[in-house]
């Protein structure tokens, strides 16, 4: 099997062999002499260096057979030693590359997991935002209901005023009926005022509760916005980690062409290991941040559930007040019946 690279000494030996048998040392001839090993660009570069060393004179110095044989044996011995060292270093680099590939696979799996968690947080934030919008709509509905209740109270007061005028017109003819009606009106008015005060207190309490709920929802929304920004920072960190992994892959590929610079490759390997340690530490930090964001999201979900329960309780209280107002409306009918009875012919006689 052809080797990955050739040495200058091999090119020199092949060139001398060709010159010794009277052949022209062309690039193809030298490559054939080397067993079809090595690139033509490398052979051309080595030939150019050999010609420069020979002073471009074109003279051919033929070494003696003893010197040529000695140089050949020395070159073979050097090649064997170099091949052994390269084989050892190649095995070592292959083991390190396999370990780095395993680490990279692990990091890619964890990055995919982080990406899925970030997408899940985004979906949960969207659901939280939708729930908040629904809460706003419900709050607006409750405000409209409160305004309707206040309008009903005003209508009742206006109706009371009209009845009071009608009562005053009847007071001139029916003094006794007026006294009875006055007594009944006073009692009913006191009861209505008392109920109205209680209703206003309940309305004020509900408004305070709704404001507190709104403030709590706003606070949770701000926390979710901060969590989203933090997730965006985590995405940036993941992108940086991905770029580091890409750079590590490029460094690993460059190891295959660094056989002549083994010392520099060792230093780069140490740097890569240091960077992998830093990447693992950053990975632990990302996992801790993700756990913290999950806890914050659970707290926000619990708070929203509590607000929904309070909103249901508020609706129940408002429904109770509506029932109370409906119970306040019937006493008007007995008053009208009393007035009709007093206006009947039998009572006028």
Protein backbone atom coordinates (compact mmCIF):
# COMPACT_ATOMS: atom_id res chain seq x y z
CA UNK A 1 0.00 0.00 0.00
CA UNK A 2 1.38 3.48 -0.88
CA UNK A 3 2.51 5.65 1.99
CA UNK A 4 0.94 9.02 2.74
CA UNK A 5 4.16 11.04 2.16
CA UNK A 6 7.75 10.87 0.90
CA UNK A 7 11.04 12.31 2.08
CA UNK A 8 13.61 14.36 0.30
CA UNK A 9 16.26 11.66 0.78
CA UNK A 10 14.07 9.21 -1.12
CA UNK A 11 13.77 11.64 -4.02
CA UNK A 12 17.57 12.16 -3.98
CA UNK A 13 18.17 8.40 -4.02
CA UNK A 14 15.67 7.82 -6.86
CA UNK A 15 17.21 10.70 -8.86
CA UNK A 16 20.73 9.28 -8.42
CA UNK A 17 19.55 5.81 -9.45
CA UNK A 18 18.02 7.20 -12.64
CA UNK A 19 21.17 9.18 -13.43
CA UNK A 20 23.28 6.11 -12.77
CA UNK A 21 21.40 4.08 -15.42
CA UNK A 22 21.42 7.00 -17.84
CA UNK A 23 17.74 7.99 -17.58
CA UNK A 24 16.40 11.51 -17.31
CA UNK A 25 15.16 12.20 -13.72
CA UNK A 26 11.69 13.50 -14.61
CA UNK A 27 8.82 13.74 -12.13
CA UNK A 28 7.01 10.67 -13.53
CA UNK A 29 10.25 8.65 -13.67
CA UNK A 30 11.10 9.47 -10.04
CA UNK A 31 7.54 8.67 -8.92
CA UNK A 32 7.73 5.31 -10.72
CA UNK A 33 11.13 4.67 -9.08
CA UNK A 34 9.51 5.35 -5.67
CA UNK A 35 6.78 2.79 -6.35
CA UNK A 36 4.13 5.29 -7.50
CA UNK A 37 4.24 6.91 -4.06
CA UNK A 38 4.10 10.64 -3.30
CA UNK A 39 2.46 13.58 -5.00
CA UNK A 40 3.93 15.17 -8.13
CA UNK A 41 3.89 18.59 -6.44
CA UNK A 42 6.09 17.30 -3.60
CA UNK A 43 8.48 15.58 -6.03
CA UNK A 44 8.71 18.77 -8.11
CA UNK A 45 9.48 20.84 -5.00
CA UNK A 46 12.20 18.45 -3.88
CA UNK A 47 13.74 18.39 -7.39
CA UNK A 48 13.83 22.19 -7.42
CA UNK A 49 15.59 22.24 -4.04
CA UNK A 50 18.12 19.64 -5.26
CA UNK A 51 18.83 21.69 -8.39
CA UNK A 52 19.30 24.83 -6.29
CA UNK A 53 21.71 22.98 -4.02
CA UNK A 54 23.68 21.86 -7.04
CA UNK A 55 24.00 25.55 -8.17
CA UNK A 56 21.93 25.15 -11.36
CA UNK A 57 25.19 24.24 -13.09
CA UNK A 58 23.76 21.19 -14.65
CA UNK A 59 26.83 19.19 -13.74
CA UNK A 60 26.26 15.73 -12.50
CA UNK A 61 28.49 14.45 -9.77
CA UNK A 62 28.48 10.70 -9.65
CA UNK A 63 29.28 9.41 -6.20
CA UNK A 64 31.30 6.33 -5.76
CA UNK A 65 29.46 3.11 -5.25
CA UNK A 66 30.70 2.80 -1.66
CA UNK A 67 29.47 6.26 -0.71
CA UNK A 68 26.19 5.70 -2.54
CA UNK A 69 25.70 2.35 -0.81
CA UNK A 70 26.50 3.87 2.58
CA UNK A 71 24.12 6.75 2.03
CA UNK A 72 21.45 4.32 0.84
CA UNK A 73 21.78 2.15 3.95
CA UNK A 74 21.78 5.17 6.20
CA UNK A 75 18.68 6.50 4.47
CA UNK A 76 16.95 3.12 4.80
CA UNK A 77 17.80 2.95 8.49
CA UNK A 78 16.56 6.49 9.01
CA UNK A 79 13.37 5.66 7.13
CA UNK A 80 12.79 2.58 9.24
CA UNK A 81 13.30 4.48 12.50
CA UNK A 82 11.13 7.32 11.27
CA UNK A 83 8.42 4.86 10.19
CA UNK A 84 8.50 3.20 13.62
CA UNK A 85 8.21 6.56 15.39
CA UNK A 86 5.46 7.63 13.02
CA UNK A 87 3.60 4.34 13.61
CA UNK A 88 3.78 4.82 17.40
CA UNK A 89 2.68 8.42 17.16
CA UNK A 90 -0.01 7.51 14.66
CA UNK A 91 -1.47 4.90 17.02
CA UNK A 92 -1.33 7.39 19.87
CA UNK A 93 -3.01 10.06 17.75
CA UNK A 94 -5.66 7.60 16.57
CA UNK A 95 -6.50 6.75 20.20
CA UNK A 96 -6.66 10.44 21.09
CA UNK A 97 -8.79 11.15 18.01
CA UNK A 98 -11.19 8.32 18.97
CA UNK A 99 -11.46 9.74 22.49
CA UNK A 100 -12.07 13.24 21.11
CA UNK A 101 -14.72 11.85 18.73
CA UNK A 102 -16.50 10.21 21.67
CA UNK A 103 -16.38 13.48 23.61
CA UNK A 104 -17.68 15.37 20.57
CA UNK A 105 -20.56 12.89 20.15
CA UNK A 106 -21.45 13.31 23.81
CA UNK A 107 -21.35 17.10 23.50
CA UNK A 108 -23.53 17.00 20.39
CA UNK A 109 -26.11 14.86 22.17
CA UNK A 110 -26.13 17.24 25.13
CA UNK A 111 -26.40 20.25 22.81
CA UNK A 112 -29.41 18.62 21.11
CA UNK A 113 -30.93 18.07 24.56
CA UNK A 114 -30.32 21.72 25.50
CA UNK A 115 -31.88 22.85 22.26
CA UNK A 116 -34.98 20.74 22.95
CA UNK A 117 -35.23 22.14 26.47
CA UNK A 118 -34.92 25.71 25.14
CA UNK A 119 -37.71 25.03 22.60
CA UNK A 120 -39.86 23.56 25.38
CA UNK A 121 -39.29 26.68 27.50
CA UNK A 122 -40.31 28.83 24.51
CA UNK A 123 -43.54 26.85 24.06
CA UNK A 124 -44.34 27.10 27.77
CA UNK A 125 -43.71 30.84 27.69
CA UNK A 126 -46.12 31.18 24.74
CA UNK A 127 -48.76 29.18 26.64
CA UNK A 128 -48.21 31.38 29.70
CA UNK A 129 -48.62 34.49 27.54
CA UNK A 130 -51.88 33.11 26.11
CA UNK A 131 -53.18 32.37 29.62
CA UNK A 132 -52.27 35.91 30.66
CA UNK A 133 -54.22 37.32 27.70
CA UNK A 134 -57.23 35.22 28.70
CA UNK A 135 -56.93 36.54 32.26
CA UNK A 136 -56.93 40.10 30.90
CA UNK A 137 -60.12 39.37 28.94
CA UNK A 138 -61.78 37.89 32.02
CA UNK A 139 -60.73 40.91 34.07
CA UNK A 140 -62.27 43.22 31.48
CA UNK A 141 -65.47 41.16 31.58
CA UNK A 142 -65.59 41.46 35.37
CA UNK A 143 -65.13 45.22 35.11
CA UNK A 144 -68.04 45.44 32.67
CA UNK A 145 -70.16 43.36 35.05
CA UNK A 146 -69.25 45.70 37.93
CA UNK A 147 -70.22 48.71 35.81
CA UNK A 148 -73.54 47.06 35.01
CA UNK A 149 -74.18 46.44 38.70
CA UNK A 150 -73.44 50.09 39.51
CA UNK A 151 -75.80 51.18 36.72
CA UNK A 152 -78.51 48.95 38.14
CA UNK A 153 -78.02 50.62 41.53
CA UNK A 154 -78.36 54.06 39.91
CA UNK A 155 -81.52 52.89 38.13
CA UNK A 156 -82.90 51.68 41.43
CA UNK A 157 -82.13 55.03 43.05
CA UNK A 158 -83.81 56.87 40.14
CA UNK A 159 -86.83 54.61 40.46
CA UNK A 160 -86.86 55.34 44.17
CA UNK A 161 -86.86 59.08 43.43
CA UNK A 162 -89.83 58.72 41.08
CA UNK A 163 -91.71 56.73 43.68
CA UNK A 164 -90.90 59.39 46.26
CA UNK A 165 -92.52 62.07 44.07
CA UNK A 166 -95.58 59.92 43.56
CA UNK A 167 -95.75 59.39 47.31
CA UNK A 168 -95.62 63.13 47.98
CA UNK A 169 -98.57 63.70 45.61
CA UNK A 170 -100.60 61.14 47.52
CA UNK A 171 -99.55 62.52 50.93
CA UNK A 172 -102.09 65.40 50.73
CA UNK A 173 -105.03 62.97 50.42
CA UNK A 174 -103.85 60.07 52.55
CA UNK A 175 -101.93 61.19 55.66
CA UNK A 176 -102.17 57.82 57.29
CA UNK A 177 -101.00 56.06 54.17
CA UNK A 178 -98.12 58.54 53.93
CA UNK A 179 -97.02 57.80 57.49
CA UNK A 180 -97.13 54.04 56.86
CA UNK A 181 -95.34 54.49 53.55
CA UNK A 182 -92.78 56.80 55.20
CA UNK A 183 -92.08 54.20 57.82
CA UNK A 184 -91.74 51.49 55.20
CA UNK A 185 -89.62 53.72 52.94
CA UNK A 186 -87.32 54.68 55.81
CA UNK A 187 -86.76 51.03 56.72
CA UNK A 188 -86.25 50.05 53.08
CA UNK A 189 -83.90 52.99 52.49
CA UNK A 190 -81.82 52.11 55.51
CA UNK A 191 -81.67 48.50 54.34
CA UNK A 192 -80.71 49.59 50.80
CA UNK A 193 -78.08 52.01 52.09
CA UNK A 194 -76.64 49.34 54.30
CA UNK A 195 -76.62 46.84 51.41
CA UNK A 196 -75.22 49.51 49.10
CA UNK A 197 -72.38 50.24 51.52
CA UNK A 198 -71.63 46.56 51.84
CA UNK A 199 -71.72 46.18 48.08
CA UNK A 200 -69.35 49.14 47.59
CA UNK A 201 -66.99 47.65 50.18
CA UNK A 202 -67.09 44.31 48.36
CA UNK A 203 -66.50 46.06 45.00
CA UNK A 204 -63.52 47.94 46.45
CA UNK A 205 -62.14 44.74 47.96
CA UNK A 206 -62.53 42.93 44.62
CA UNK A 207 -60.86 45.79 42.77
CA UNK A 208 -57.92 45.67 45.18
CA UNK A 209 -57.69 41.90 44.70
CA UNK A 210 -57.81 42.30 40.90
CA UNK A 211 -55.08 44.95 41.03
CA UNK A 212 -52.94 42.69 43.20
CA UNK A 213 -53.53 39.81 40.79
CA UNK A 214 -52.62 42.05 37.84
CA UNK A 215 -49.41 43.13 39.58
CA UNK A 216 -48.54 39.52 40.30
CA UNK A 217 -49.16 38.53 36.66
CA UNK A 218 -47.01 41.45 35.47
CA UNK A 219 -44.23 40.39 37.82
CA UNK A 220 -44.37 36.82 36.58
CA UNK A 221 -44.36 38.07 32.99
CA UNK A 222 -41.19 40.07 33.69
CA UNK A 223 -39.61 36.99 35.23
CA UNK A 224 -40.54 35.01 32.11
CA UNK A 225 -39.03 37.72 29.90
CA UNK A 226 -35.82 37.57 31.96
CA UNK A 227 -35.87 33.78 31.68
CA UNK A 228 -36.29 34.06 27.91
CA UNK A 229 -33.31 36.43 27.71
CA UNK A 230 -31.29 34.01 29.80
CA UNK A 231 -32.27 31.20 27.43
CA UNK A 232 -31.11 33.37 24.53
CA UNK A 233 -27.77 33.74 26.36
CA UNK A 234 -27.66 29.96 26.75
CA UNK A 235 -28.29 29.61 23.01
CA UNK A 236 -25.33 31.93 22.38
CA UNK A 237 -23.20 29.82 24.68
CA UNK A 238 -24.31 26.70 22.81
CA UNK A 239 -23.41 28.34 19.52
CA UNK A 240 -19.99 29.23 20.92
CA UNK A 241 -19.56 25.64 22.11
CA UNK A 242 -20.53 24.39 18.64
CA UNK A 243 -17.92 26.66 17.06
CA UNK A 244 -15.34 25.35 19.53
CA UNK A 245 -16.25 21.79 18.58
CA UNK A 246 -15.92 22.67 14.89
CA UNK A 247 -12.52 24.17 15.55
CA UNK A 248 -11.50 21.05 17.46
CA UNK A 249 -12.56 18.93 14.49
CA UNK A 250 -10.42 21.07 12.21
CA UNK A 251 -7.48 20.64 14.57
CA UNK A 252 -8.03 16.87 14.55
CA UNK A 253 -8.03 16.77 10.73
CA UNK A 254 -4.83 18.81 10.68
CA UNK A 255 -3.09 16.09 12.75
CA UNK A 256 -2.98 13.81 9.68
CA UNK A 257 -0.73 16.30 7.85
CA UNK A 258 1.48 17.20 10.82
CA UNK A 259 3.87 14.23 10.80
CA UNK A 260 6.90 16.45 10.22
CA UNK A 261 5.87 18.77 13.09
CA UNK A 262 5.20 16.28 15.87
CA UNK A 263 6.42 18.59 18.61
CA UNK A 264 3.96 21.32 17.59
CA UNK A 265 1.18 18.72 17.31
CA UNK A 266 1.79 17.59 20.90
CA UNK A 267 1.47 21.18 22.12
CA UNK A 268 -1.76 21.60 20.15
CA UNK A 269 -3.12 18.38 21.62
CA UNK A 270 -2.49 19.72 25.12
CA UNK A 271 -4.28 22.93 24.22
CA UNK A 272 -7.22 20.95 22.83
CA UNK A 273 -7.44 18.91 26.02
CA UNK A 274 -7.44 22.12 28.08
CA UNK A 275 -10.20 23.54 25.91
CA UNK A 276 -12.23 20.32 26.27
CA UNK A 277 -11.91 20.59 30.06
CA UNK A 278 -13.18 24.18 29.86
CA UNK A 279 -16.00 23.02 27.59
CA UNK A 280 -17.02 20.38 30.14
CA UNK A 281 -16.98 22.97 32.90
CA UNK A 282 -19.14 25.26 30.78
CA UNK A 283 -21.42 22.31 30.08
CA UNK A 284 -21.94 21.80 33.84
CA UNK A 285 -22.74 25.51 34.20
CA UNK A 286 -25.30 25.28 31.37
CA UNK A 287 -26.95 22.26 33.01
CA UNK A 288 -27.20 24.12 36.35
CA UNK A 289 -28.65 27.21 34.61
CA UNK A 290 -31.18 25.03 32.81
CA UNK A 291 -32.26 23.43 36.11
CA UNK A 292 -32.64 26.87 37.66
CA UNK A 293 -34.80 28.04 34.74
CA UNK A 294 -36.96 24.93 35.09
CA UNK A 295 -37.56 25.69 38.77
CA UNK A 296 -38.47 29.32 37.99
CA UNK A 297 -40.91 28.11 35.33
CA UNK A 298 -42.58 25.73 37.79
CA UNK A 299 -42.95 28.58 40.30
CA UNK A 300 -44.54 30.78 37.63
CA UNK A 301 -46.96 27.97 36.69
CA UNK A 302 -47.98 27.50 40.33
CA UNK A 303 -48.54 31.25 40.70
CA UNK A 304 -50.77 31.35 37.59
CA UNK A 305 -52.84 28.46 38.95
CA UNK A 306 -53.26 30.33 42.23
CA UNK A 307 -54.42 33.45 40.34
CA UNK A 308 -56.94 31.37 38.39
CA UNK A 309 -58.34 30.00 41.67
CA UNK A 310 -58.63 33.55 43.06
CA UNK A 311 -60.39 34.65 39.87
CA UNK A 312 -62.93 31.83 40.23
CA UNK A 313 -63.52 32.89 43.86
CA UNK A 314 -64.04 36.49 42.69
CA UNK A 315 -66.61 35.34 40.14
CA UNK A 316 -68.44 33.44 42.88
CA UNK A 317 -68.52 36.56 45.10
CA UNK A 318 -69.88 38.71 42.25
CA UNK A 319 -72.55 36.09 41.51
CA UNK A 320 -73.53 36.21 45.21
CA UNK A 321 -73.82 40.02 45.03
CA UNK A 322 -76.06 39.75 41.99
CA UNK A 323 -78.31 37.39 43.90
CA UNK A 324 -78.38 39.90 46.79
CA UNK A 325 -79.40 42.69 44.38
CA UNK A 326 -82.14 40.47 42.97
CA UNK A 327 -83.37 39.87 46.50
CA UNK A 328 -83.41 43.66 47.11
CA UNK A 329 -85.66 44.30 44.10
CA UNK A 330 -88.91 42.51 45.26
CA UNK A 331 -89.61 44.85 48.28
CA UNK A 332 -90.62 47.54 45.76
CA UNK A 333 -93.68 45.54 44.73
CA UNK A 334 -95.24 45.42 48.24
CA UNK A 335 -94.94 49.19 48.44
CA UNK A 336 -96.83 49.55 45.17
CA UNK A 337 -99.47 47.10 46.39
CA UNK A 338 -99.86 49.18 49.60
CA UNK A 339 -100.31 52.35 47.55
CA UNK A 340 -102.84 50.64 45.26
CA UNK A 341 -104.75 49.38 48.24
CA UNK A 342 -104.83 52.88 49.71
CA UNK A 343 -106.11 54.26 46.38
CA UNK A 344 -108.91 51.73 46.16
CA UNK A 345 -112.52 53.12 46.60
CA UNK A 346 -113.08 51.27 49.83
CA UNK A 347 -110.14 52.97 51.48
CA UNK A 348 -111.07 56.38 50.13
CA UNK A 349 -114.50 56.16 51.76
